[in-house]
Amino acid sequence: MQKHNPAGTRTIKTQVLIIGGGVTGTGVMRDLALRNITTILIDRKDLNAGASGSNHGLLHSGGRYVAQDLATAIECREEGEILKRVAANCIDDCGGMFVAVEGDDEEFAGGFADHCKAAGIRCEPLSVTQARIREPSLTEKIIAAFTVPDATIDPFRLTLENVSHAQQLTDSSYLPHMEVKGFDIVDGEIIATLVKDNRSGELLRIESEQVINASGTWAMKIARLAGCNEVNLLYSKGTLIISNSRMSKGVINRLRLPGDGDILVPGGTVSLLGTTSATIDDPDAISPTVDEVDRILAQGLTMVPSLADARLIRAFAGVRPLLMTSDNTGDGRKASRGFALFDHEKQNLRNFTTITGGKLTTYRLMAERVGDLVAKRLGSSAPCKTATEPLPSGPSVCWTEPGFSARDWYARQDPTDRILCECEMVPESSIDNILKEAPGCEAQMSLKAISLRSRVGKGSCQGAFCSIRVTSHLYDKGVYNSQYGLIHLRDFVKERFKGVRPVLWGPQVAQMELAEALHCDLMGLDQQATCMTKSEFDPNRVKEDL
């Protein structure tokens, strides 16, 4: 028996508690809401704080896995087709191709079409001329090319819409900044979960009939807090880099076994190139490095030579929670991208469930499997509806779409509605709408929370100007009324600049010098050690013309 009930702890109740605000946790929240089951969703940070917010946004056709993981390839193909039907508002159905270049394994390339056929994936060969007409940025050194039905998906909008729809259907709620500290377990059941509000320090006791662990990279830690040792994960760090322009019409994959720098994914007005794979021990201590950026670029250039002249505005890193199996060698590239559902009944817990592993593309299926189990435990016979029920799009979740704020601003022609973020054309009204109605909005939202729900800070300047303008607007609106507004500004700038450092060359160096002058000389943020000093620049990576 475990008991955690400190004196004075506030208690709330719900049918189901979901731990983890990524795409899987929010998918479970919506799945259960469609079965008329009420939930509370919590996350120790905010929505998409883990792998769901640190990926390339690829909606897999399955082609990437056909040669070594047929089951995952089939899952990706089936789920991708479903999501294109039910969540089209979150998807750019841009298509994709796999290309081999001189020096690649011709035998591997020759077997690709047959592998795709085995997985049921549509795959058509292209001549070199056809491939370069379709994607003019491709190298002339192509030796093979095939089309596949890849697409891209906005993971931020997807999670926001899942939460929004669940709240429309039931009395479900989302609580950010809630970190699990322990469980009250009596006679094989979790009767309450003890959580800490990481903003206020308040302890909260959440009583629920069922507890779902959908915390992704942290699922193993949460399971062990509950006394369960079945969940074993391999942490695989992946780094990606972002260009300030869209460099391809569709997804471009290298036609080989997965490796560094072998995929270019368009994301609205930008492109993402990645990714690396490095096994790590601590998923909470990750940053992109210059070496990783160099490796990604070196490989990407063999497919798309114009990357040499691209302006790269940011690098970022995420952690893949991969299932550890008895034959796993510790190589993240070789680990399965499948998922696992643990009912924990063999470990004497009747109302605890863990779902982990998997991919963004398969999140809906993962949520369905959890929903089926939990609904049965609650005595509900309601079927899963997420494969057929369209995901509605509301006015509170549209601000992550590139260009949406600008179109809305131009359509209204309101000269009093000042632009706060010039890179992404985000006006005051967009910020006001997010503060009022975005899923997970709080009384005092941080800049990071606003950025997650909008395009703020995602342009070429990476928040250098808009961070100050948005903060000033929030003070004017009375959202901030103390020094905490400046602390939010400092933290936001620090986080954005962490991703800028590994790509400092060319125009981005000049942009960084301007940001440093603005934030340190004018705003005095250097007093709190948030700005980069000149000693942190790598002079060997700065072009001579600067």
Protein backbone atom coordinates (compact mmCIF):
# COMPACT_ATOMS: atom_id res chain seq x y z
CA MET A 1 0.00 0.00 0.00
CA GLN A 2 1.27 3.46 -0.94
CA LYS A 3 -0.19 6.59 0.68
CA HIS A 4 0.50 10.20 -0.28
CA ASN A 5 -1.85 12.63 1.40
CA PRO A 6 -0.07 15.69 2.85
CA ALA A 7 -2.14 17.86 5.13
CA GLY A 8 -4.02 20.69 3.43
CA THR A 9 -3.90 19.12 -0.04
CA ARG A 10 -6.84 20.14 -2.24
CA THR A 11 -8.79 17.26 -3.86
CA ILE A 12 -10.61 17.10 -7.21
CA LYS A 13 -12.38 14.16 -8.84
CA THR A 14 -12.87 12.82 -12.37
CA GLN A 15 -13.70 9.56 -14.13
CA VAL A 16 -10.32 9.26 -15.83
CA LEU A 17 -6.99 10.98 -15.26
CA ILE A 18 -4.69 11.20 -18.30
CA ILE A 19 -1.02 11.95 -17.67
CA GLY A 20 0.74 13.52 -20.66
CA GLY A 21 -0.33 16.40 -22.89
CA GLY A 22 1.24 15.20 -26.12
CA VAL A 23 -0.59 14.03 -29.19
CA THR A 24 -1.32 10.59 -27.67
CA GLY A 25 -2.66 11.95 -24.38
CA THR A 26 -4.87 14.50 -26.12
CA GLY A 27 -5.95 11.81 -28.58
CA VAL A 28 -7.03 9.62 -25.66
CA MET A 29 -8.87 12.59 -24.16
CA ARG A 30 -10.92 13.04 -27.36
CA ASP A 31 -11.46 9.30 -27.86
CA LEU A 32 -12.95 8.97 -24.37
CA ALA A 33 -15.02 12.13 -24.76
CA LEU A 34 -16.60 10.63 -27.88
CA ARG A 35 -17.59 7.70 -25.62
CA ASN A 36 -19.09 10.21 -23.11
CA ILE A 37 -16.33 9.61 -20.57
CA THR A 38 -15.06 12.65 -18.65
CA THR A 39 -11.36 13.18 -18.12
CA ILE A 40 -8.77 15.47 -16.60
CA LEU A 41 -5.62 15.80 -18.70
CA ILE A 42 -2.42 16.97 -16.99
CA ASP A 43 1.12 17.71 -18.09
CA ARG A 44 4.11 18.79 -16.04
CA LYS A 45 4.78 21.53 -18.62
CA ASP A 46 2.25 22.24 -21.37
CA LEU A 47 0.80 20.66 -24.48
CA ASN A 48 3.37 19.11 -26.85
CA ALA A 49 6.24 19.63 -24.43
CA GLY A 50 7.92 16.36 -25.45
CA ALA A 51 8.30 14.42 -28.69
CA SER A 52 4.96 15.69 -30.01
CA GLY A 53 6.38 19.21 -30.18
CA SER A 54 9.89 18.26 -31.32
CA ASN A 55 9.41 16.39 -34.59
CA HIS A 56 9.41 17.13 -38.29
CA GLY A 57 5.61 16.94 -38.65
CA LEU A 58 5.74 14.10 -41.17
CA LEU A 59 2.56 12.11 -41.74
CA HIS A 60 4.23 8.89 -42.78
CA SER A 61 3.11 6.91 -45.80
CA GLY A 62 5.03 4.03 -44.22
CA GLY A 63 7.71 4.08 -46.92
CA ARG A 64 10.47 4.89 -44.44
CA TYR A 65 9.97 1.56 -42.64
CA VAL A 66 9.10 -0.90 -45.41
CA ALA A 67 12.56 -2.47 -45.54
CA GLN A 68 13.00 -3.23 -41.84
CA ASP A 69 9.69 -2.84 -39.96
CA LEU A 70 6.80 -3.99 -42.14
CA ALA A 71 4.22 -3.95 -39.32
CA THR A 72 4.94 -0.28 -38.51
CA ALA A 73 4.90 0.58 -42.22
CA ILE A 74 1.42 -0.90 -42.56
CA GLU A 75 0.19 0.89 -39.43
CA CYS A 76 1.52 4.19 -40.77
CA ARG A 77 -0.14 3.67 -44.15
CA GLU A 78 -3.51 2.77 -42.63
CA GLU A 79 -3.48 5.53 -40.02
CA GLY A 80 -2.24 8.14 -42.50
CA GLU A 81 -5.21 7.39 -44.74
CA ILE A 82 -7.62 7.74 -41.80
CA LEU A 83 -6.13 11.04 -40.64
CA LYS A 84 -6.32 12.49 -44.14
CA ARG A 85 -10.07 11.87 -43.98
CA VAL A 86 -10.86 12.96 -40.43
CA ALA A 87 -8.22 15.63 -39.71
CA ALA A 88 -7.70 17.25 -43.11
CA ASN A 89 -7.65 20.71 -41.50
CA CYS A 90 -4.34 19.79 -39.82
CA ILE A 91 -2.73 18.21 -42.90
CA ASP A 92 -0.90 19.38 -46.01
CA ASP A 93 -1.32 16.46 -48.41
CA CYS A 94 1.81 17.47 -50.32
CA GLY A 95 2.99 14.01 -51.34
CA GLY A 96 6.53 12.75 -51.16
CA MET A 97 9.27 10.86 -52.90
CA PHE A 98 12.24 8.67 -52.14
CA VAL A 99 15.41 9.37 -54.10
CA ALA A 100 18.73 7.54 -54.37
CA VAL A 101 21.85 9.40 -55.43
CA GLU A 102 25.18 8.30 -56.85
CA GLY A 103 26.97 6.07 -54.36
CA ASP A 104 23.78 4.73 -52.75
CA ASP A 105 23.00 1.01 -52.66
CA GLU A 106 21.39 0.24 -56.02
CA GLU A 107 20.17 -3.15 -54.83
CA PHE A 108 18.32 -1.53 -51.92
CA ALA A 109 16.76 1.03 -54.28
CA GLY A 110 15.75 -1.72 -56.69
CA GLY A 111 13.77 -3.56 -54.01
CA PHE A 112 11.91 -0.50 -52.69
CA ALA A 113 8.83 -0.83 -54.91
CA ASP A 114 8.34 -4.48 -53.90
CA HIS A 115 8.64 -3.60 -50.20
CA CYS A 116 6.02 -0.87 -50.65
CA LYS A 117 3.71 -3.32 -52.45
CA ALA A 118 3.98 -5.73 -49.51
CA ALA A 119 2.83 -2.92 -47.18
CA GLY A 120 0.04 -1.78 -49.53
CA ILE A 121 1.71 1.61 -50.10
CA ARG A 122 1.15 3.35 -53.44
CA CYS A 123 4.54 3.73 -55.08
CA GLU A 124 5.35 4.85 -58.63
CA PRO A 125 8.81 5.04 -60.24
CA LEU A 126 9.98 8.35 -61.69
CA SER A 127 12.65 9.06 -64.24
CA VAL A 128 15.42 11.46 -63.23
CA THR A 129 13.83 14.14 -65.43
CA GLN A 130 10.37 13.57 -63.92
CA ALA A 131 11.76 13.73 -60.39
CA ARG A 132 13.59 17.02 -61.01
CA ILE A 133 10.56 18.56 -62.69
CA ARG A 134 8.52 17.64 -59.62
CA GLU A 135 11.22 18.86 -57.22
CA PRO A 136 13.60 21.31 -58.98
CA SER A 137 15.84 21.56 -55.91
CA LEU A 138 16.95 17.92 -56.25
CA THR A 139 20.52 17.11 -57.22
CA GLU A 140 21.34 16.09 -60.78
CA LYS A 141 23.04 12.97 -59.39
CA ILE A 142 19.81 11.01 -58.84
CA ILE A 143 19.93 7.34 -59.85
CA ALA A 144 16.39 6.31 -58.74
CA ALA A 145 13.18 7.99 -57.57
CA PHE A 146 9.74 6.82 -56.42
CA THR A 147 6.60 8.67 -55.36
CA VAL A 148 4.82 7.84 -52.09
CA PRO A 149 1.71 9.36 -50.41
CA ASP A 150 3.60 11.18 -47.64
CA ALA A 151 2.04 14.33 -46.15
CA THR A 152 2.75 16.78 -43.37
CA ILE A 153 0.70 17.46 -40.26
CA ASP A 154 0.64 20.32 -37.74
CA PRO A 155 1.11 18.55 -34.37
CA PHE A 156 0.35 21.72 -32.40
CA ARG A 157 -2.99 22.30 -34.08
CA LEU A 158 -3.77 18.59 -33.79
CA THR A 159 -3.34 18.54 -30.00
CA LEU A 160 -5.23 21.81 -29.55
CA GLU A 161 -8.16 20.52 -31.60
CA ASN A 162 -8.23 17.23 -29.69
CA VAL A 163 -8.47 19.10 -26.38
CA SER A 164 -10.97 21.62 -27.73
CA HIS A 165 -13.31 18.92 -29.06
CA ALA A 166 -13.11 16.88 -25.85
CA GLN A 167 -14.08 19.97 -23.85
CA GLN A 168 -16.99 20.64 -26.19
CA LEU A 169 -18.31 17.09 -25.78
CA THR A 170 -17.89 16.61 -22.01
CA ASP A 171 -16.97 18.36 -18.80
CA SER A 172 -13.34 17.41 -19.35
CA SER A 173 -10.49 19.77 -18.49
CA TYR A 174 -6.81 20.32 -19.09
CA LEU A 175 -4.40 21.37 -16.32
CA PRO A 176 -0.86 22.40 -17.36
CA HIS A 177 2.22 22.51 -15.11
CA MET A 178 1.01 19.55 -13.04
CA GLU A 179 3.81 17.10 -12.20
CA VAL A 180 3.01 13.66 -10.79
CA LYS A 181 4.63 13.11 -7.41
CA GLY A 182 3.07 9.84 -6.31
CA PHE A 183 0.05 7.57 -6.18
CA ASP A 184 -2.25 6.41 -3.39
CA ILE A 185 -2.62 2.68 -4.02
CA VAL A 186 -5.01 0.56 -1.96
CA ASP A 187 -5.81 -3.12 -2.64
CA GLY A 188 -4.55 -3.06 -6.23
CA GLU A 189 -6.13 0.23 -7.28
CA ILE A 190 -4.90 3.79 -7.58
CA ILE A 191 -7.41 5.76 -5.56
CA ALA A 192 -5.68 9.12 -6.05
CA THR A 193 -2.77 10.74 -7.85
CA LEU A 194 -0.75 13.40 -6.04
CA VAL A 195 0.48 16.19 -8.32
CA LYS A 196 2.37 19.44 -7.81
CA ASP A 197 1.55 22.68 -9.61
CA ASN A 198 5.00 23.70 -10.88
CA ARG A 199 3.91 27.33 -11.10
CA SER A 200 2.46 27.86 -7.62
CA GLY A 201 3.95 24.94 -5.72
CA GLU A 202 0.45 23.84 -4.64
CA LEU A 203 -0.17 20.13 -4.10
CA LEU A 204 -3.30 18.66 -5.63
CA ARG A 205 -4.91 15.28 -5.09
CA ILE A 206 -6.78 13.91 -8.13
CA GLU A 207 -9.16 11.04 -7.42
CA SER A 208 -10.19 9.00 -10.46
CA GLU A 209 -11.60 5.62 -11.42
CA GLN A 210 -8.89 5.05 -14.02
CA VAL A 211 -5.39 6.46 -14.57
CA ILE A 212 -3.78 6.54 -18.03
CA ASN A 213 -0.04 7.02 -18.41
CA ALA A 214 0.48 8.62 -21.84
CA SER A 215 3.55 10.60 -20.89
CA GLY A 216 5.72 9.50 -23.80
CA THR A 217 9.41 9.78 -22.96
CA TRP A 218 8.56 9.90 -19.26
CA ALA A 219 6.19 6.88 -19.31
CA MET A 220 8.78 4.59 -17.73
CA LYS A 221 9.34 7.00 -14.83
CA ILE A 222 5.59 7.40 -14.20
CA ALA A 223 5.01 3.64 -14.34
CA ARG A 224 7.74 3.06 -11.76
CA LEU A 225 6.21 5.66 -9.47
CA ALA A 226 3.19 3.36 -9.48
CA GLY A 227 5.38 0.35 -8.69
CA CYS A 228 5.34 -1.10 -12.22
CA ASN A 229 8.57 -2.22 -13.87
CA GLU A 230 7.16 -3.58 -17.13
CA VAL A 231 7.78 -0.39 -19.13
CA ASN A 232 11.34 -0.22 -20.46
CA LEU A 233 12.30 2.51 -22.90
CA LEU A 234 15.28 3.48 -25.00
CA TYR A 235 15.75 7.25 -25.24
CA SER A 236 16.82 8.32 -28.72
CA LYS A 237 17.69 11.98 -29.22
CA GLY A 238 17.00 13.45 -32.64
CA THR A 239 18.05 16.88 -33.90
CA LEU A 240 16.49 18.82 -36.80
CA ILE A 241 17.20 22.17 -38.44
CA ILE A 242 14.76 24.68 -39.94
CA SER A 243 15.20 26.88 -43.02
CA ASN A 244 13.42 30.22 -43.35
CA SER A 245 11.80 29.22 -46.65
CA ARG A 246 10.01 26.24 -48.13
CA MET A 247 12.61 24.39 -50.19
CA SER A 248 10.45 21.63 -51.67
CA LYS A 249 6.87 21.07 -52.75
CA GLY A 250 6.64 17.75 -50.95
CA VAL A 251 8.59 15.48 -48.64
CA ILE A 252 11.98 14.29 -49.95
CA ASN A 253 13.38 11.09 -48.42
CA ARG A 254 16.75 9.46 -49.07
CA LEU A 255 16.25 6.00 -50.56
CA ARG A 256 18.30 4.02 -48.08
CA LEU A 257 17.97 2.68 -44.56
CA PRO A 258 17.19 5.57 -42.14
CA GLY A 259 20.21 7.71 -41.26
CA ASP A 260 21.26 11.27 -40.46
CA GLY A 261 20.06 14.12 -42.66
CA ASP A 262 17.99 11.93 -44.95
CA ILE A 263 14.62 13.67 -44.94
CA LEU A 264 13.49 17.17 -45.93
CA VAL A 265 9.94 18.01 -44.79
CA PRO A 266 8.06 21.16 -45.84
CA GLY A 267 6.18 22.80 -42.99
CA GLY A 268 4.02 25.64 -44.23
CA THR A 269 6.45 28.38 -45.23
CA VAL A 270 9.61 26.64 -43.95
CA SER A 271 11.38 23.30 -44.33
CA LEU A 272 12.79 20.93 -41.72
CA LEU A 273 15.86 18.79 -42.37
CA GLY A 274 16.81 15.90 -40.15
CA THR A 275 17.27 13.89 -38.25
CA THR A 276 19.96 12.37 -36.04
CA SER A 277 19.75 9.44 -33.64
CA ALA A 278 21.79 9.20 -30.45
CA THR A 279 20.96 7.04 -27.44
CA ILE A 280 20.94 9.12 -24.25
CA ASP A 281 20.38 8.51 -20.54
CA ASP A 282 18.61 11.73 -19.47
CA PRO A 283 15.69 12.93 -21.62
CA ASP A 284 15.51 16.18 -19.66
CA ALA A 285 18.99 17.37 -20.65
CA ILE A 286 19.07 17.77 -24.44
CA SER A 287 20.19 20.50 -26.81
CA PRO A 288 21.08 20.54 -30.51
CA THR A 289 24.81 20.72 -31.19
CA VAL A 290 26.97 22.23 -33.92
CA ASP A 291 28.32 18.77 -34.77
CA GLU A 292 24.80 17.41 -35.29
CA VAL A 293 23.88 20.35 -37.52
CA ASP A 294 27.04 19.81 -39.59
CA ARG A 295 26.26 16.09 -40.03
CA ILE A 296 22.66 16.74 -41.03
CA LEU A 297 23.70 19.37 -43.58
CA ALA A 298 26.47 17.25 -45.05
CA GLN A 299 24.00 14.45 -45.80
CA GLY A 300 21.15 16.72 -46.85
CA LEU A 301 23.34 18.48 -49.41
CA THR A 302 23.73 15.26 -51.36
CA MET A 303 19.97 15.31 -52.03
CA VAL A 304 19.30 19.06 -52.14
CA PRO A 305 22.43 21.09 -53.01
CA SER A 306 20.61 24.42 -52.54
CA LEU A 307 20.75 23.81 -48.78
CA ALA A 308 24.28 25.22 -48.99
CA ASP A 309 22.82 28.69 -49.58
CA ALA A 310 19.74 28.35 -47.38
CA ARG A 311 19.25 30.54 -44.35
CA LEU A 312 18.87 28.25 -41.37
CA ILE A 313 17.04 29.93 -38.53
CA ARG A 314 16.93 27.32 -35.81
CA ALA A 315 17.91 23.85 -34.67
CA PHE A 316 16.00 21.82 -32.11
CA ALA A 317 16.18 18.41 -30.48
CA GLY A 318 13.61 15.96 -29.20
CA VAL A 319 13.63 12.49 -27.65
CA ARG A 320 11.96 9.43 -29.13
CA PRO A 321 10.57 6.99 -26.54
CA LEU A 322 11.43 3.66 -28.17
CA LEU A 323 10.42 0.28 -26.83
CA MET A 324 13.29 -1.66 -25.28
CA THR A 325 13.10 -5.34 -26.19
CA SER A 326 15.26 -8.35 -25.32
CA ASP A 327 17.00 -8.25 -28.72
CA ASN A 328 17.50 -4.49 -28.72
CA THR A 329 21.15 -3.52 -29.15
CA GLY A 330 20.69 0.03 -27.88
CA ASP A 331 20.77 1.39 -31.44
CA GLY A 332 17.87 3.81 -31.83
CA ARG A 333 17.90 3.40 -35.62
CA LYS A 334 17.24 -0.33 -35.30
CA ALA A 335 14.62 -0.13 -32.53
CA SER A 336 11.00 -0.69 -33.49
CA ARG A 337 8.72 2.31 -34.05
CA GLY A 338 5.79 0.21 -32.85
CA PHE A 339 3.86 0.91 -29.66
CA ALA A 340 2.84 -1.09 -26.62
CA LEU A 341 -0.19 -1.03 -24.33
CA PHE A 342 0.34 -2.16 -20.73
CA ASP A 343 -2.70 -2.97 -18.61
CA HIS A 344 -0.45 -3.60 -15.54
CA GLU A 345 -2.82 -6.28 -14.22
CA LYS A 346 0.06 -8.73 -13.82
CA GLN A 347 1.60 -6.17 -11.49
CA ASN A 348 -1.56 -6.07 -9.39
CA LEU A 349 -2.94 -2.75 -10.61
CA ARG A 350 -6.46 -2.94 -12.00
CA ASN A 351 -7.03 0.70 -12.97
CA PHE A 352 -3.68 1.83 -14.39
CA THR A 353 -2.77 1.80 -18.10
CA THR A 354 0.39 2.82 -19.94
CA ILE A 355 0.63 3.53 -23.67
CA THR A 356 4.05 4.33 -25.11
CA GLY A 357 6.29 4.04 -28.16
CA GLY A 358 4.68 4.60 -31.52
CA LYS A 359 4.72 7.62 -33.80
CA LEU A 360 2.81 10.81 -34.43
CA THR A 361 1.20 9.10 -37.43
CA THR A 362 -0.14 6.24 -35.29
CA TYR A 363 -1.35 8.33 -32.34
CA ARG A 364 -5.05 7.82 -33.16
CA LEU A 365 -4.71 4.03 -33.16
CA MET A 366 -2.79 4.20 -29.87
CA ALA A 367 -5.60 6.28 -28.37
CA GLU A 368 -8.20 3.83 -29.69
CA ARG A 369 -6.49 0.87 -28.01
CA VAL A 370 -6.38 2.74 -24.70
CA GLY A 371 -9.97 3.89 -25.09
CA ASP A 372 -11.20 0.34 -25.71
CA LEU A 373 -9.48 -0.96 -22.58
CA VAL A 374 -10.50 1.87 -20.27
CA ALA A 375 -14.10 1.99 -21.53
CA LYS A 376 -14.42 -1.76 -20.86
CA ARG A 377 -13.05 -1.31 -17.35
CA LEU A 378 -15.63 1.44 -16.73
CA GLY A 379 -18.46 -0.78 -17.99
CA SER A 380 -19.02 1.24 -21.17
CA SER A 381 -19.80 -0.47 -24.48
CA ALA A 382 -19.47 2.73 -26.51
CA PRO A 383 -17.30 2.09 -29.59
CA CYS A 384 -14.37 4.15 -30.81
CA LYS A 385 -15.48 6.90 -33.21
CA THR A 386 -12.21 8.64 -34.02
CA ALA A 387 -11.70 6.76 -37.30
CA THR A 388 -14.94 8.16 -38.72
CA GLU A 389 -15.82 11.30 -36.72
CA PRO A 390 -14.15 14.37 -38.28
CA LEU A 391 -12.01 16.48 -35.98
CA PRO A 392 -13.79 19.86 -35.93
CA SER A 393 -11.81 23.05 -36.34
CA GLY A 394 -12.82 26.00 -34.17
CA PRO A 395 -11.71 29.63 -33.92
CA SER A 396 -9.62 28.89 -30.84
CA VAL A 397 -7.17 26.54 -32.56
CA CYS A 398 -6.41 28.10 -35.94
CA TRP A 399 -3.52 30.38 -34.99
CA THR A 400 -0.73 27.83 -35.49
CA GLU A 401 -1.43 27.73 -39.25
CA PRO A 402 1.18 29.71 -41.22
CA GLY A 403 -0.41 32.79 -42.75
CA PHE A 404 -3.76 32.48 -40.98
CA SER A 405 -3.24 35.52 -38.74
CA ALA A 406 -2.17 37.60 -41.74
CA ARG A 407 -5.22 36.59 -43.82
CA ASP A 408 -7.51 37.35 -40.90
CA TRP A 409 -5.84 40.73 -40.34
CA TYR A 410 -6.03 41.76 -44.00
CA ALA A 411 -9.67 40.65 -44.26
CA ARG A 412 -10.72 42.84 -41.33
CA GLN A 413 -8.70 45.91 -42.44
CA ASP A 414 -8.53 47.32 -38.92
CA PRO A 415 -5.76 49.98 -38.71
CA THR A 416 -5.88 49.93 -34.90
CA ASP A 417 -4.93 46.24 -34.78
CA ARG A 418 -1.15 46.54 -34.55
CA ILE A 419 1.17 43.83 -35.88
CA LEU A 420 3.26 42.41 -33.03
CA CYS A 421 5.18 39.73 -34.94
CA GLU A 422 6.25 40.98 -38.35
CA CYS A 423 7.94 37.74 -39.47
CA GLU A 424 4.67 35.78 -39.15
CA MET A 425 2.25 38.75 -39.31
CA VAL A 426 0.62 38.13 -35.93
CA PRO A 427 -1.52 41.10 -34.75
CA GLU A 428 -2.75 42.07 -31.29
CA SER A 429 -6.16 40.53 -32.00
CA SER A 430 -4.64 37.07 -32.49
CA ILE A 431 -2.94 37.28 -29.11
CA ASP A 432 -6.18 38.49 -27.50
CA ASN A 433 -8.12 35.58 -28.99
CA ILE A 434 -5.57 33.08 -27.73
CA LEU A 435 -5.71 34.57 -24.24
CA LYS A 436 -9.48 34.34 -24.25
CA GLU A 437 -10.30 30.96 -25.73
CA ALA A 438 -7.32 28.81 -26.74
CA PRO A 439 -7.28 25.34 -25.13
CA GLY A 440 -5.22 25.46 -21.96
CA CYS A 441 -5.26 29.25 -21.73
CA GLU A 442 -4.37 30.58 -18.29
CA ALA A 443 -4.86 33.79 -16.33
CA GLN A 444 -1.21 34.71 -16.89
CA MET A 445 0.05 32.94 -19.99
CA SER A 446 3.78 32.81 -20.63
CA LEU A 447 5.22 33.78 -23.99
CA LYS A 448 6.15 30.15 -24.52
CA ALA A 449 2.51 29.11 -24.02
CA ILE A 450 1.34 31.79 -26.46
CA SER A 451 3.97 30.72 -29.00
CA LEU A 452 2.80 27.11 -28.75
CA ARG A 453 -0.70 28.26 -29.72
CA SER A 454 0.37 30.70 -32.46
CA ARG A 455 3.21 31.63 -34.84
CA VAL A 456 4.88 34.06 -32.44
CA GLY A 457 8.67 33.69 -32.41
CA LYS A 458 8.79 31.22 -35.30
CA GLY A 459 10.08 33.55 -38.03
CA SER A 460 13.57 34.56 -39.07
CA CYS A 461 14.21 36.74 -36.00
CA GLN A 462 13.18 33.90 -33.64
CA GLY A 463 11.41 36.27 -31.25
CA ALA A 464 13.98 39.08 -31.12
CA PHE A 465 11.36 41.77 -31.76
CA CYS A 466 7.98 40.12 -31.16
CA SER A 467 8.94 38.87 -27.69
CA ILE A 468 9.24 42.48 -26.50
CA ARG A 469 6.15 43.68 -28.37
CA VAL A 470 3.94 40.84 -27.12
CA THR A 471 5.18 41.29 -23.55
CA SER A 472 4.43 45.02 -23.74
CA HIS A 473 0.94 44.27 -25.06
CA LEU A 474 0.31 41.85 -22.21
CA TYR A 475 1.33 44.50 -19.68
CA ASP A 476 -0.98 47.00 -21.41
CA LYS A 477 -3.85 44.48 -21.20
CA GLY A 478 -3.20 43.85 -17.51
CA VAL A 479 -2.31 40.20 -18.08
CA TYR A 480 1.10 40.96 -16.58
CA ASN A 481 1.26 43.31 -13.62
CA SER A 482 4.52 42.36 -11.94
CA GLN A 483 8.10 41.32 -12.70
CA TYR A 484 6.87 37.89 -13.80
CA GLY A 485 6.12 39.26 -17.25
CA LEU A 486 9.80 40.06 -17.69
CA ILE A 487 10.73 36.63 -16.35
CA HIS A 488 8.50 35.06 -19.02
CA LEU A 489 10.23 37.24 -21.61
CA ARG A 490 13.67 36.20 -20.38
CA ASP A 491 12.78 32.49 -20.39
CA PHE A 492 11.27 32.69 -23.87
CA VAL A 493 14.29 34.46 -25.36
CA LYS A 494 16.66 32.02 -23.68
CA GLU A 495 14.80 29.02 -25.10
CA ARG A 496 14.64 30.43 -28.63
CA PHE A 497 18.31 31.42 -28.65
CA LYS A 498 19.31 27.90 -27.53
CA GLY A 499 18.14 26.71 -30.92
CA VAL A 500 19.78 29.55 -32.83
CA ARG A 501 23.33 28.99 -31.56
CA PRO A 502 24.10 25.84 -33.61
CA VAL A 503 23.18 27.57 -36.92
CA LEU A 504 25.09 30.81 -36.52
CA TRP A 505 26.60 31.67 -39.86
CA GLY A 506 25.67 33.87 -42.80
CA PRO A 507 22.62 36.14 -42.33
CA GLN A 508 21.73 34.46 -39.05
CA VAL A 509 24.88 35.87 -37.42
CA ALA A 510 23.82 39.41 -38.31
CA GLN A 511 20.34 38.66 -36.98
CA MET A 512 21.84 37.38 -33.75
CA GLU A 513 24.06 40.44 -33.33
CA LEU A 514 20.97 42.63 -33.71
CA ALA A 515 19.02 40.53 -31.19
CA GLU A 516 21.92 40.68 -28.74
CA ALA A 517 22.10 44.46 -29.01
CA LEU A 518 18.34 44.75 -28.57
CA HIS A 519 17.96 42.44 -25.60
CA CYS A 520 21.20 43.15 -23.78
CA ASP A 521 21.89 46.83 -24.41
CA LEU A 522 18.29 48.03 -24.43
CA MET A 523 16.37 45.57 -22.28
CA GLY A 524 19.17 44.68 -19.86
CA LEU A 525 18.45 40.96 -20.10
CA ASP A 526 22.18 40.31 -19.90
CA GLN A 527 21.86 41.03 -16.19
CA GLN A 528 20.04 37.72 -15.90
CA ALA A 529 22.47 35.78 -18.10
CA THR A 530 20.05 35.09 -20.91
CA CYS A 531 21.88 36.58 -23.89
CA MET A 532 24.72 35.19 -25.88
CA THR A 533 28.04 36.96 -25.55
CA LYS A 534 30.43 37.37 -28.44
CA SER A 535 32.66 34.71 -26.92
CA GLU A 536 29.93 32.14 -27.61
CA PHE A 537 30.06 32.76 -31.37
CA ASP A 538 32.12 30.25 -33.34
CA PRO A 539 34.24 32.45 -35.62
CA ASN A 540 35.16 29.48 -37.81
CA ARG A 541 31.52 29.23 -38.91
CA VAL A 542 31.03 32.89 -39.81
CA LYS A 543 31.39 33.73 -43.48
CA GLU A 544 34.14 36.20 -44.33
CA ASP A 545 31.73 38.66 -45.92
CA LEU A 546 30.26 39.34 -42.46
